[in-house]
């Protein structure tokens, strides 16, 4: 397993884009549609994506696992943005738990 992609940079960049869509909505944006739907829409998608991660893992399909985890991470970032939680706070919690 290689570690050639920085885990922090792509997530931070994606989070910044999500926050920008929250603060400056763009017509037709999927992110804006999720945010406009509030918790009901966002949390439903998180549940769906979590189930898809489970099934991809059950099927032991590496490409599907990566895709479904990416979807789950995206929808989770939408949720934290919707609730005003900064990704830096998530990173801080992860760092605290690592020690």
PDB file of N, CA and C in Angstrom:
ATOM      1  N   UNK A   1       0.851  -1.177   0.000  1.00  0.00           N
ATOM      2  CA  UNK A   1       0.000   0.000   0.000  1.00  0.00           C
ATOM      3  C   UNK A   1       0.893   1.234   0.000  1.00  0.00           C
ATOM      4  N   UNK A   2       0.657   2.140  -0.949  1.00  0.00           N
ATOM      5  CA  UNK A   2       1.451   3.358  -1.020  1.00  0.00           C
ATOM      6  C   UNK A   2       0.703   4.495  -0.353  1.00  0.00           C
ATOM      7  N   UNK A   3       1.455   5.480   0.034  1.00  0.00           N
ATOM      8  CA  UNK A   3       0.876   6.648   0.687  1.00  0.00           C
ATOM      9  C   UNK A   3       1.301   7.894  -0.074  1.00  0.00           C
ATOM     10  N   UNK A   4       1.036   7.916  -1.390  1.00  0.00           N
ATOM     11  CA  UNK A   4       1.524   8.994  -2.222  1.00  0.00           C
ATOM     12  C   UNK A   4       0.616  10.218  -2.239  1.00  0.00           C
ATOM     13  N   UNK A   5      -0.598  10.108  -1.729  1.00  0.00           N
ATOM     14  CA  UNK A   5      -1.524  11.228  -1.709  1.00  0.00           C
ATOM     15  C   UNK A   5      -1.660  11.726  -0.277  1.00  0.00           C
ATOM     16  N   UNK A   6      -1.504  13.021  -0.089  1.00  0.00           N
ATOM     17  CA  UNK A   6      -1.682  13.608   1.235  1.00  0.00           C
ATOM     18  C   UNK A   6      -3.161  13.544   1.602  1.00  0.00           C
ATOM     19  N   UNK A   7      -3.468  12.959   2.743  1.00  0.00           N
ATOM     20  CA  UNK A   7      -4.856  12.814   3.170  1.00  0.00           C
ATOM     21  C   UNK A   7      -5.462  14.149   3.592  1.00  0.00           C
ATOM     22  N   UNK A   8      -4.643  15.057   4.056  1.00  0.00           N
ATOM     23  CA  UNK A   8      -5.165  16.313   4.573  1.00  0.00           C
ATOM     24  C   UNK A   8      -5.505  17.286   3.453  1.00  0.00           C
ATOM     25  N   UNK A   9      -4.636  17.468   2.508  1.00  0.00           N
ATOM     26  CA  UNK A   9      -4.848  18.479   1.481  1.00  0.00           C
ATOM     27  C   UNK A   9      -6.127  18.275   0.669  1.00  0.00           C
ATOM     28  N   UNK A  10      -6.397  17.101   0.133  1.00  0.00           N
ATOM     29  CA  UNK A  10      -7.633  16.949  -0.653  1.00  0.00           C
ATOM     30  C   UNK A  10      -8.889  17.160   0.189  1.00  0.00           C
ATOM     31  N   UNK A  11      -8.911  16.703   1.420  1.00  0.00           N
ATOM     32  CA  UNK A  11     -10.081  16.900   2.264  1.00  0.00           C
ATOM     33  C   UNK A  11     -10.263  18.370   2.617  1.00  0.00           C
ATOM     34  N   UNK A  12      -9.180  19.050   2.934  1.00  0.00           N
ATOM     35  CA  UNK A  12      -9.274  20.475   3.254  1.00  0.00           C
ATOM     36  C   UNK A  12      -9.736  21.274   2.045  1.00  0.00           C
ATOM     37  N   UNK A  13      -9.230  20.932   0.887  1.00  0.00           N
ATOM     38  CA  UNK A  13      -9.648  21.620  -0.341  1.00  0.00           C
ATOM     39  C   UNK A  13     -11.120  21.364  -0.632  1.00  0.00           C
ATOM     40  N   UNK A  14     -11.553  20.122  -0.494  1.00  0.00           N
ATOM     41  CA  UNK A  14     -12.958  19.790  -0.710  1.00  0.00           C
ATOM     42  C   UNK A  14     -13.839  20.519   0.297  1.00  0.00           C
ATOM     43  N   UNK A  15     -13.419  20.542   1.554  1.00  0.00           N
ATOM     44  CA  UNK A  15     -14.180  21.232   2.586  1.00  0.00           C
ATOM     45  C   UNK A  15     -14.301  22.722   2.260  1.00  0.00           C
ATOM     46  N   UNK A  16     -13.224  23.329   1.793  1.00  0.00           N
ATOM     47  CA  UNK A  16     -13.254  24.749   1.430  1.00  0.00           C
ATOM     48  C   UNK A  16     -14.258  24.989   0.299  1.00  0.00           C
ATOM     49  N   UNK A  17     -14.314  24.085  -0.661  1.00  0.00           N
ATOM     50  CA  UNK A  17     -15.272  24.206  -1.759  1.00  0.00           C
ATOM     51  C   UNK A  17     -16.697  24.080  -1.241  1.00  0.00           C
ATOM     52  N   UNK A  18     -16.926  23.117  -0.350  1.00  0.00           N
ATOM     53  CA  UNK A  18     -18.262  22.922   0.238  1.00  0.00           C
ATOM     54  C   UNK A  18     -18.689  24.184   0.999  1.00  0.00           C
ATOM     55  N   UNK A  19     -17.789  24.739   1.792  1.00  0.00           N
ATOM     56  CA  UNK A  19     -18.107  25.964   2.546  1.00  0.00           C
ATOM     57  C   UNK A  19     -18.379  27.132   1.604  1.00  0.00           C
ATOM     58  N   UNK A  20     -17.647  27.191   0.501  1.00  0.00           N
ATOM     59  CA  UNK A  20     -17.885  28.242  -0.487  1.00  0.00           C
ATOM     60  C   UNK A  20     -19.277  28.099  -1.097  1.00  0.00           C
ATOM     61  N   UNK A  21     -19.678  26.863  -1.384  1.00  0.00           N
ATOM     62  CA  UNK A  21     -21.032  26.634  -1.926  1.00  0.00           C
ATOM     63  C   UNK A  21     -22.092  27.003  -0.888  1.00  0.00           C
ATOM     64  N   UNK A  22     -21.791  26.738   0.376  1.00  0.00           N
ATOM     65  CA  UNK A  22     -22.714  27.097   1.455  1.00  0.00           C
ATOM     66  C   UNK A  22     -22.880  28.614   1.519  1.00  0.00           C
ATOM     67  N   UNK A  23     -21.762  29.325   1.426  1.00  0.00           N
ATOM     68  CA  UNK A  23     -21.770  30.780   1.584  1.00  0.00           C
ATOM     69  C   UNK A  23     -22.114  31.522   0.297  1.00  0.00           C
ATOM     70  N   UNK A  24     -21.862  30.898  -0.850  1.00  0.00           N
ATOM     71  CA  UNK A  24     -22.113  31.499  -2.163  1.00  0.00           C
ATOM     72  C   UNK A  24     -22.781  30.465  -3.059  1.00  0.00           C
ATOM     73  N   UNK A  25     -24.054  30.194  -2.806  1.00  0.00           N
ATOM     74  CA  UNK A  25     -24.741  29.126  -3.561  1.00  0.00           C
ATOM     75  C   UNK A  25     -24.663  29.323  -5.073  1.00  0.00           C
ATOM     76  N   UNK A  26     -24.511  28.192  -5.762  1.00  0.00           N
ATOM     77  CA  UNK A  26     -24.482  28.195  -7.231  1.00  0.00           C
ATOM     78  C   UNK A  26     -25.636  27.329  -7.712  1.00  0.00           C
ATOM     79  N   UNK A  27     -26.422  27.888  -8.598  1.00  0.00           N
ATOM     80  CA  UNK A  27     -27.567  27.162  -9.121  1.00  0.00           C
ATOM     81  C   UNK A  27     -27.114  25.869  -9.801  1.00  0.00           C
ATOM     82  N   UNK A  28     -27.814  24.795  -9.492  1.00  0.00           N
ATOM     83  CA  UNK A  28     -27.514  23.502 -10.094  1.00  0.00           C
ATOM     84  C   UNK A  28     -26.459  22.696  -9.359  1.00  0.00           C
ATOM     85  N   UNK A  29     -25.847  23.266  -8.327  1.00  0.00           N
ATOM     86  CA  UNK A  29     -24.807  22.576  -7.575  1.00  0.00           C
ATOM     87  C   UNK A  29     -25.426  21.499  -6.682  1.00  0.00           C
ATOM     88  N   UNK A  30     -24.892  20.280  -6.766  1.00  0.00           N
ATOM     89  CA  UNK A  30     -25.365  19.191  -5.911  1.00  0.00           C
ATOM     90  C   UNK A  30     -25.151  19.532  -4.445  1.00  0.00           C
ATOM     91  N   UNK A  31     -24.013  20.115  -4.128  1.00  0.00           N
ATOM     92  CA  UNK A  31     -23.718  20.508  -2.751  1.00  0.00           C
ATOM     93  C   UNK A  31     -24.767  21.495  -2.248  1.00  0.00           C
ATOM     94  N   UNK A  32     -25.135  22.462  -3.079  1.00  0.00           N
ATOM     95  CA  UNK A  32     -26.138  23.444  -2.679  1.00  0.00           C
ATOM     96  C   UNK A  32     -27.495  22.791  -2.469  1.00  0.00           C
ATOM     97  N   UNK A  33     -27.828  21.807  -3.293  1.00  0.00           N
ATOM     98  CA  UNK A  33     -29.095  21.083  -3.118  1.00  0.00           C
ATOM     99  C   UNK A  33     -29.106  20.338  -1.792  1.00  0.00           C
ATOM    100  N   UNK A  34     -27.986  19.703  -1.456  1.00  0.00           N
ATOM    101  CA  UNK A  34     -27.893  19.018  -0.162  1.00  0.00           C
ATOM    102  C   UNK A  34     -28.056  20.000   0.988  1.00  0.00           C
ATOM    103  N   UNK A  35     -27.320  21.089   0.939  1.00  0.00           N
ATOM    104  CA  UNK A  35     -27.371  22.078   2.009  1.00  0.00           C
ATOM    105  C   UNK A  35     -28.766  22.681   2.144  1.00  0.00           C
ATOM    106  N   UNK A  36     -29.425  22.918   1.027  1.00  0.00           N
ATOM    107  CA  UNK A  36     -30.784  23.474   1.058  1.00  0.00           C
ATOM    108  C   UNK A  36     -31.766  22.478   1.677  1.00  0.00           C
ATOM    109  N   UNK A  37     -31.485  21.193   1.537  1.00  0.00           N
ATOM    110  CA  UNK A  37     -32.351  20.164   2.105  1.00  0.00           C
ATOM    111  C   UNK A  37     -32.156  19.971   3.594  1.00  0.00           C
ATOM    112  N   UNK A  38     -31.107  20.568   4.135  1.00  0.00           N
ATOM    113  CA  UNK A  38     -30.847  20.498   5.567  1.00  0.00           C
ATOM    114  C   UNK A  38     -30.519  19.099   6.053  1.00  0.00           C
ATOM    115  N   UNK A  39     -30.671  18.925   7.355  1.00  0.00           N
ATOM    116  CA  UNK A  39     -30.306  17.653   7.984  1.00  0.00           C
ATOM    117  C   UNK A  39     -31.015  16.458   7.353  1.00  0.00           C
ATOM    118  N   UNK A  40     -32.292  16.587   7.055  1.00  0.00           N
ATOM    119  CA  UNK A  40     -33.006  15.434   6.497  1.00  0.00           C
ATOM    120  C   UNK A  40     -32.328  14.892   5.251  1.00  0.00           C
ATOM    121  N   UNK A  41     -31.989  15.765   4.329  1.00  0.00           N
ATOM    122  CA  UNK A  41     -31.364  15.332   3.073  1.00  0.00           C
ATOM    123  C   UNK A  41     -29.917  14.882   3.292  1.00  0.00           C
ATOM    124  N   UNK A  42     -29.173  15.673   4.046  1.00  0.00           N
ATOM    125  CA  UNK A  42     -27.755  15.379   4.263  1.00  0.00           C
ATOM    126  C   UNK A  42     -27.578  14.072   5.038  1.00  0.00           C
ATOM    127  N   UNK A  43     -28.302  13.929   6.134  1.00  0.00           N
ATOM    128  CA  UNK A  43     -28.124  12.748   6.982  1.00  0.00           C
ATOM    129  C   UNK A  43     -28.633  11.484   6.307  1.00  0.00           C
ATOM    130  N   UNK A  44     -29.663  11.609   5.490  1.00  0.00           N
ATOM    131  CA  UNK A  44     -30.142  10.456   4.718  1.00  0.00           C
ATOM    132  C   UNK A  44     -29.034   9.967   3.785  1.00  0.00           C
ATOM    133  N   UNK A  45     -28.348  10.906   3.138  1.00  0.00           N
ATOM    134  CA  UNK A  45     -27.254  10.529   2.234  1.00  0.00           C
ATOM    135  C   UNK A  45     -26.099   9.883   3.006  1.00  0.00           C
ATOM    136  N   UNK A  46     -25.793  10.378   4.188  1.00  0.00           N
ATOM    137  CA  UNK A  46     -24.733   9.764   4.987  1.00  0.00           C
ATOM    138  C   UNK A  46     -25.092   8.319   5.301  1.00  0.00           C
ATOM    139  N   UNK A  47     -26.329   8.085   5.699  1.00  0.00           N
ATOM    140  CA  UNK A  47     -26.780   6.720   5.985  1.00  0.00           C
ATOM    141  C   UNK A  47     -26.672   5.817   4.770  1.00  0.00           C
ATOM    142  N   UNK A  48     -27.103   6.315   3.619  1.00  0.00           N
ATOM    143  CA  UNK A  48     -27.028   5.531   2.382  1.00  0.00           C
ATOM    144  C   UNK A  48     -25.578   5.205   2.040  1.00  0.00           C
ATOM    145  N   UNK A  49     -24.723   6.214   2.127  1.00  0.00           N
ATOM    146  CA  UNK A  49     -23.315   6.008   1.769  1.00  0.00           C
ATOM    147  C   UNK A  49     -22.627   5.067   2.751  1.00  0.00           C
ATOM    148  N   UNK A  50     -22.953   5.162   4.027  1.00  0.00           N
ATOM    149  CA  UNK A  50     -22.369   4.251   5.014  1.00  0.00           C
ATOM    150  C   UNK A  50     -22.741   2.803   4.695  1.00  0.00           C
ATOM    151  N   UNK A  51     -23.999   2.582   4.326  1.00  0.00           N
ATOM    152  CA  UNK A  51     -24.433   1.231   3.954  1.00  0.00           C
ATOM    153  C   UNK A  51     -23.691   0.747   2.711  1.00  0.00           C
ATOM    154  N   UNK A  52     -23.441   1.650   1.769  1.00  0.00           N
ATOM    155  CA  UNK A  52     -22.713   1.273   0.558  1.00  0.00           C
ATOM    156  C   UNK A  52     -21.252   0.935   0.864  1.00  0.00           C
ATOM    157  N   UNK A  53     -20.655   1.626   1.840  1.00  0.00           N
ATOM    158  CA  UNK A  53     -19.294   1.287   2.270  1.00  0.00           C
ATOM    159  C   UNK A  53     -19.288  -0.128   2.843  1.00  0.00           C
ATOM    160  N   UNK A  54     -20.255  -0.429   3.680  1.00  0.00           N
ATOM    161  CA  UNK A  54     -20.349  -1.757   4.292  1.00  0.00           C
ATOM    162  C   UNK A  54     -20.451  -2.833   3.205  1.00  0.00           C
ATOM    163  N   UNK A  55     -21.311  -2.607   2.225  1.00  0.00           N
ATOM    164  CA  UNK A  55     -21.500  -3.609   1.177  1.00  0.00           C
ATOM    165  C   UNK A  55     -20.255  -3.759   0.306  1.00  0.00           C
ATOM    166  N   UNK A  56     -19.583  -2.656   0.008  1.00  0.00           N
ATOM    167  CA  UNK A  56     -18.352  -2.729  -0.782  1.00  0.00           C
ATOM    168  C   UNK A  56     -17.282  -3.510  -0.024  1.00  0.00           C
ATOM    169  N   UNK A  57     -17.191  -3.284   1.283  1.00  0.00           N
ATOM    170  CA  UNK A  57     -16.231  -4.039   2.096  1.00  0.00           C
ATOM    171  C   UNK A  57     -16.609  -5.515   2.135  1.00  0.00           C
ATOM    172  N   UNK A  58     -17.890  -5.786   2.284  1.00  0.00           N
ATOM    173  CA  UNK A  58     -18.362  -7.163   2.300  1.00  0.00           C
ATOM    174  C   UNK A  58     -17.989  -7.875   1.002  1.00  0.00           C
ATOM    175  N   UNK A  59     -18.079  -7.154  -0.113  1.00  0.00           N
ATOM    176  CA  UNK A  59     -17.748  -7.723  -1.425  1.00  0.00           C
ATOM    177  C   UNK A  59     -16.249  -7.734  -1.693  1.00  0.00           C
ATOM    178  N   UNK A  60     -15.466  -7.124  -0.797  1.00  0.00           N
ATOM    179  CA  UNK A  60     -14.009  -7.066  -0.915  1.00  0.00           C
ATOM    180  C   UNK A  60     -13.577  -6.488  -2.260  1.00  0.00           C
ATOM    181  N   UNK A  61     -14.253  -5.404  -2.649  1.00  0.00           N
ATOM    182  CA  UNK A  61     -13.987  -4.741  -3.930  1.00  0.00           C
ATOM    183  C   UNK A  61     -13.262  -3.430  -3.653  1.00  0.00           C
ATOM    184  N   UNK A  62     -11.950  -3.443  -3.812  1.00  0.00           N
ATOM    185  CA  UNK A  62     -11.110  -2.305  -3.426  1.00  0.00           C
ATOM    186  C   UNK A  62     -11.525  -1.009  -4.124  1.00  0.00           C
ATOM    187  N   UNK A  63     -11.816  -1.061  -5.418  1.00  0.00           N
ATOM    188  CA  UNK A  63     -12.197   0.143  -6.147  1.00  0.00           C
ATOM    189  C   UNK A  63     -13.524   0.681  -5.629  1.00  0.00           C
ATOM    190  N   UNK A  64     -14.471  -0.210  -5.388  1.00  0.00           N
ATOM    191  CA  UNK A  64     -15.769   0.195  -4.837  1.00  0.00           C
ATOM    192  C   UNK A  64     -15.617   0.753  -3.430  1.00  0.00           C
ATOM    193  N   UNK A  65     -14.774   0.129  -2.631  1.00  0.00           N
ATOM    194  CA  UNK A  65     -14.540   0.616  -1.271  1.00  0.00           C
ATOM    195  C   UNK A  65     -14.018   2.047  -1.327  1.00  0.00           C
ATOM    196  N   UNK A  66     -13.014   2.281  -2.152  1.00  0.00           N
ATOM    197  CA  UNK A  66     -12.436   3.631  -2.260  1.00  0.00           C
ATOM    198  C   UNK A  66     -13.495   4.639  -2.712  1.00  0.00           C
ATOM    199  N   UNK A  67     -14.289   4.282  -3.693  1.00  0.00           N
ATOM    200  CA  UNK A  67     -15.319   5.189  -4.192  1.00  0.00           C
ATOM    201  C   UNK A  67     -16.394   5.479  -3.170  1.00  0.00           C
ATOM    202  N   UNK A  68     -16.839   4.442  -2.483  1.00  0.00           N
ATOM    203  CA  UNK A  68     -17.901   4.630  -1.492  1.00  0.00           C
ATOM    204  C   UNK A  68     -17.404   5.392  -0.269  1.00  0.00           C
ATOM    205  N   UNK A  69     -16.163   5.145   0.151  1.00  0.00           N
ATOM    206  CA  UNK A  69     -15.603   5.913   1.269  1.00  0.00           C
ATOM    207  C   UNK A  69     -15.454   7.381   0.861  1.00  0.00           C
ATOM    208  N   UNK A  70     -15.047   7.631  -0.380  1.00  0.00           N
ATOM    209  CA  UNK A  70     -14.956   9.014  -0.862  1.00  0.00           C
ATOM    210  C   UNK A  70     -16.328   9.684  -0.803  1.00  0.00           C
ATOM    211  N   UNK A  71     -17.376   8.973  -1.223  1.00  0.00           N
ATOM    212  CA  UNK A  71     -18.740   9.516  -1.151  1.00  0.00           C
ATOM    213  C   UNK A  71     -19.145   9.799   0.292  1.00  0.00           C
ATOM    214  N   UNK A  72     -18.830   8.868   1.186  1.00  0.00           N
ATOM    215  CA  UNK A  72     -19.175   9.040   2.597  1.00  0.00           C
ATOM    216  C   UNK A  72     -18.435  10.238   3.190  1.00  0.00           C
ATOM    217  N   UNK A  73     -17.173  10.379   2.853  1.00  0.00           N
ATOM    218  CA  UNK A  73     -16.391  11.509   3.362  1.00  0.00           C
ATOM    219  C   UNK A  73     -16.962  12.827   2.854  1.00  0.00           C
ATOM    220  N   UNK A  74     -17.305  12.870   1.568  1.00  0.00           N
ATOM    221  CA  UNK A  74     -17.890  14.084   0.996  1.00  0.00           C
ATOM    222  C   UNK A  74     -19.166  14.471   1.737  1.00  0.00           C
ATOM    223  N   UNK A  75     -20.082  13.523   1.897  1.00  0.00           N
ATOM    224  CA  UNK A  75     -21.348  13.834   2.549  1.00  0.00           C
ATOM    225  C   UNK A  75     -21.155  14.209   4.024  1.00  0.00           C
ATOM    226  N   UNK A  76     -20.166  13.614   4.663  1.00  0.00           N
ATOM    227  CA  UNK A  76     -19.857  13.971   6.047  1.00  0.00           C
ATOM    228  C   UNK A  76     -19.312  15.398   6.118  1.00  0.00           C
ATOM    229  N   UNK A  77     -18.492  15.780   5.154  1.00  0.00           N
ATOM    230  CA  UNK A  77     -17.990  17.153   5.112  1.00  0.00           C
ATOM    231  C   UNK A  77     -19.127  18.144   4.885  1.00  0.00           C
ATOM    232  N   UNK A  78     -20.103  17.770   4.063  1.00  0.00           N
ATOM    233  CA  UNK A  78     -21.274  18.631   3.874  1.00  0.00           C
ATOM    234  C   UNK A  78     -21.992  18.806   5.212  1.00  0.00           C
ATOM    235  N   UNK A  79     -22.138  17.716   5.959  1.00  0.00           N
ATOM    236  CA  UNK A  79     -22.834  17.779   7.253  1.00  0.00           C
ATOM    237  C   UNK A  79     -22.107  18.682   8.236  1.00  0.00           C
ATOM    238  N   UNK A  80     -20.794  18.549   8.331  1.00  0.00           N
ATOM    239  CA  UNK A  80     -20.093  19.380   9.312  1.00  0.00           C
ATOM    240  C   UNK A  80     -20.113  20.850   8.891  1.00  0.00           C
ATOM    241  N   UNK A  81     -20.040  21.094   7.589  1.00  0.00           N
ATOM    242  CA  UNK A  81     -20.148  22.469   7.103  1.00  0.00           C
ATOM    243  C   UNK A  81     -21.516  23.044   7.446  1.00  0.00           C
ATOM    244  N   UNK A  82     -22.547  22.256   7.240  1.00  0.00           N
ATOM    245  CA  UNK A  82     -23.924  22.681   7.537  1.00  0.00           C
ATOM    246  C   UNK A  82     -24.078  23.046   9.011  1.00  0.00           C
ATOM    247  N   UNK A  83     -23.351  22.348   9.874  1.00  0.00           N
ATOM    248  CA  UNK A  83     -23.451  22.590  11.311  1.00  0.00           C
ATOM    249  C   UNK A  83     -22.383  23.544  11.840  1.00  0.00           C
ATOM    250  N   UNK A  84     -21.608  24.141  10.947  1.00  0.00           N
ATOM    251  CA  UNK A  84     -20.624  25.132  11.359  1.00  0.00           C
ATOM    252  C   UNK A  84     -19.410  24.573  12.064  1.00  0.00           C
ATOM    253  N   UNK A  85     -19.119  23.305  11.830  1.00  0.00           N
ATOM    254  CA  UNK A  85     -17.935  22.681  12.410  1.00  0.00           C
ATOM    255  C   UNK A  85     -16.811  22.764  11.381  1.00  0.00           C
ATOM    256  N   UNK A  86     -15.668  23.255  11.796  1.00  0.00           N
ATOM    257  CA  UNK A  86     -14.529  23.377  10.880  1.00  0.00           C
ATOM    258  C   UNK A  86     -13.774  22.058  10.812  1.00  0.00           C
ATOM    259  N   UNK A  87     -13.284  21.741   9.644  1.00  0.00           N
ATOM    260  CA  UNK A  87     -12.519  20.502   9.477  1.00  0.00           C
ATOM    261  C   UNK A  87     -11.278  20.498  10.374  1.00  0.00           C
ATOM    262  N   UNK A  88     -10.748  21.667  10.676  1.00  0.00           N
ATOM    263  CA  UNK A  88      -9.584  21.746  11.574  1.00  0.00           C
ATOM    264  C   UNK A  88      -9.927  21.190  12.955  1.00  0.00           C
ATOM    265  N   UNK A  89     -11.178  21.360  13.378  1.00  0.00           N
ATOM    266  CA  UNK A  89     -11.606  20.802  14.669  1.00  0.00           C
ATOM    267  C   UNK A  89     -11.624  19.280  14.620  1.00  0.00           C
ATOM    268  N   UNK A  90     -11.992  18.732  13.471  1.00  0.00           N
ATOM    269  CA  UNK A  90     -11.969  17.276  13.292  1.00  0.00           C
ATOM    270  C   UNK A  90     -10.533  16.781  13.332  1.00  0.00           C
ATOM    271  N   UNK A  91      -9.631  17.480  12.626  1.00  0.00           N
ATOM    272  CA  UNK A  91      -8.222  17.100  12.636  1.00  0.00           C
ATOM    273  C   UNK A  91      -7.652  17.163  14.054  1.00  0.00           C
ATOM    274  N   UNK A  92      -8.066  18.190  14.811  1.00  0.00           N
ATOM    275  CA  UNK A  92      -7.590  18.338  16.194  1.00  0.00           C
ATOM    276  C   UNK A  92      -8.030  17.140  17.035  1.00  0.00           C
ATOM    277  N   UNK A  93      -9.279  16.721  16.884  1.00  0.00           N
ATOM    278  CA  UNK A  93      -9.779  15.554  17.632  1.00  0.00           C
ATOM    279  C   UNK A  93      -9.001  14.299  17.255  1.00  0.00           C
ATOM    280  N   UNK A  94      -8.736  14.134  15.970  1.00  0.00           N
ATOM    281  CA  UNK A  94      -7.974  12.958  15.528  1.00  0.00           C
ATOM    282  C   UNK A  94      -6.568  12.979  16.122  1.00  0.00           C
ATOM    283  N   UNK A  95      -5.951  14.156  16.136  1.00  0.00           N
ATOM    284  CA  UNK A  95      -4.607  14.284  16.707  1.00  0.00           C
ATOM    285  C   UNK A  95      -4.619  13.962  18.200  1.00  0.00           C
ATOM    286  N   UNK A  96      -5.639  14.459  18.915  1.00  0.00           N
ATOM    287  CA  UNK A  96      -5.745  14.170  20.350  1.00  0.00           C
ATOM    288  C   UNK A  96      -5.879  12.666  20.598  1.00  0.00           C
ATOM    289  N   UNK A  97      -6.618  12.004  19.762  1.00  0.00           N
ATOM    290  CA  UNK A  97      -6.844  10.557  19.942  1.00  0.00           C
ATOM    291  C   UNK A  97      -5.615   9.730  19.566  1.00  0.00           C
ATOM    292  N   UNK A  98      -4.784  10.283  18.725  1.00  0.00           N
ATOM    293  CA  UNK A  98      -3.570   9.577  18.312  1.00  0.00           C
ATOM    294  C   UNK A  98      -2.552   9.543  19.437  1.00  0.00           C
ATOM    295  N   UNK A  99      -2.599  10.528  20.300  1.00  0.00           N
ATOM    296  CA  UNK A  99      -1.584  10.644  21.365  1.00  0.00           C
ATOM    297  C   UNK A  99      -1.933   9.844  22.531  1.00  0.00           C
TER     298      UNK A  99
END
